[in-house]
Amino acid sequence: MPTLEGLEDASLDKIPDLEIAKLRFQINLKPDVARELKLDQNEIKNTLLEKIKAGYMTDLYKDVSKELNIPVNTSVLEEMESKNAEEISKLTDEIENAEKNEGESEVRDAMIKKCDYLTSIGNKAEALASLKQTLEKSNTTGHKLDILFHLIRVGFFFNDVKVITTHLDKAKELIELGGDWDRRNRLKVYTGLYAMSVRKFEEAAENFLDTVSTFTSYELMDYHTFIKYTIICSMVSLERKDLTTKVVEGADINEVLHDLPLFKSYITSLYNAQYADFFTSLAQIEGVLKGDRYLAPHSCFYIRQMRVRAYAQLLESYSSLTVNYMANSFGVSEQFIDKELSRFITAGALSAKIDKVGGIIQTNRPDKKNWQYQAVIKQGDILLNRIQKLSRVITI
């Protein structure tokens, strides 16, 4: 585990403040979901508005007021706009002065200062334009990468996939030309976070695991959140052997788990085949997913995949077993197990058959290559069906 002392200093500035994006996500959750997660949306609203006003975030103030259907305070808005105009004018003058009287380094510093301010007040359009202009005038690989990281964070803040992917690709190209160790590791965290947000859990796990012992990207998240994301992505994507060596026995992860009892239970219950405890932990993990702005869109998919994984792990140990035994193992009713397994077997997610008369589950173990072949055929059929449906509504 990287020690916090000194490492937060090694991180980039927390611009934009992604905590504000998190609060904005939480305030827009459906009331029943917020209650389930025990979130006080009135308190969140007040905190969010305080942060917006304190940061003179004019555009965000108007957007959030519209989202929450609350009236805009004209005097507050005018004060924000006046402060923004004054500060931008001052920063523009500093750039012009540096261009006339200083060197390239001073000009760049003045431009970065303006970029930081535009980003901090949530002025997306001007921030992106200013950052791209500064990128063009930067000479060193390191400076260019720092600006690209800034652009990616703006994408994360506004959930703008195009901004994220465009600048991630540029950063990957640039890092091959001579990026240093710290920036290479930082790029892995940024890549992993984006991959996780678009359900590429295997890619996310690979990037996160590579940086567990070298994490310094505190501008994106704190270390405990990073470990949570690493565990979530690893549990759904790694084979048992890799999960054992990289997570269950991972020294850096284990060092943090005493602060994360839910995640410790989540890992150990599945690994030790304590399926009833695993289902209890999984239900709580579902709450974590629903309350996270990157993972919420994938919560149903993730929970379904983890249930399949747990069922498959138990079934692999037997050629046959009773429905009653499996239900007891997971701490659920026979009717629940019967319905679950029937659905997953029909979908091809589990290789088994249910003898409803005898109450017996018989497992099939097709070899891996045959299973992969069947999966490709199935996915190909689905794709062709979708293309055919699309062709009916689109004239080429």
Foldseek 3Di string as FASTA:
>chain_A
DDDPVPLLVVADDLFAPLVLLLLLVLLLDDPVLCVVLVHDNVVSVVVNVVLLLVLLQLVVQVVSCVSVVHDDDVVSNVVSVVVVVVVLVVLVVQLVCCVVPHDLVSNLVSLVVNLRSCRRSPVLVVNVVSLVVSLVSDDDLAVNLVSLVSQLVNCVSVVPVVSNVVSLVVNVVSVVVPNDPLSVLVSLQSVLLVCLLVPVLVSNLVSLLVCLHPDRHVSVPDNVVSLVSNLLSCLLDPDLVCCVVRPVPNPSSVVCCVVVVLSVQCSVCLNVLQQQSNVVSLVVVLSVQCSGPSRNVCSVVSSLSNVLVSVQVVQVVDQKDALVVVCVSNVHDSVVSVVSVVVCVVVVSAAWDADVVVRMIGGDDDDPVVSVVVVVVVVVVVVVVVVVVVCVVDDD
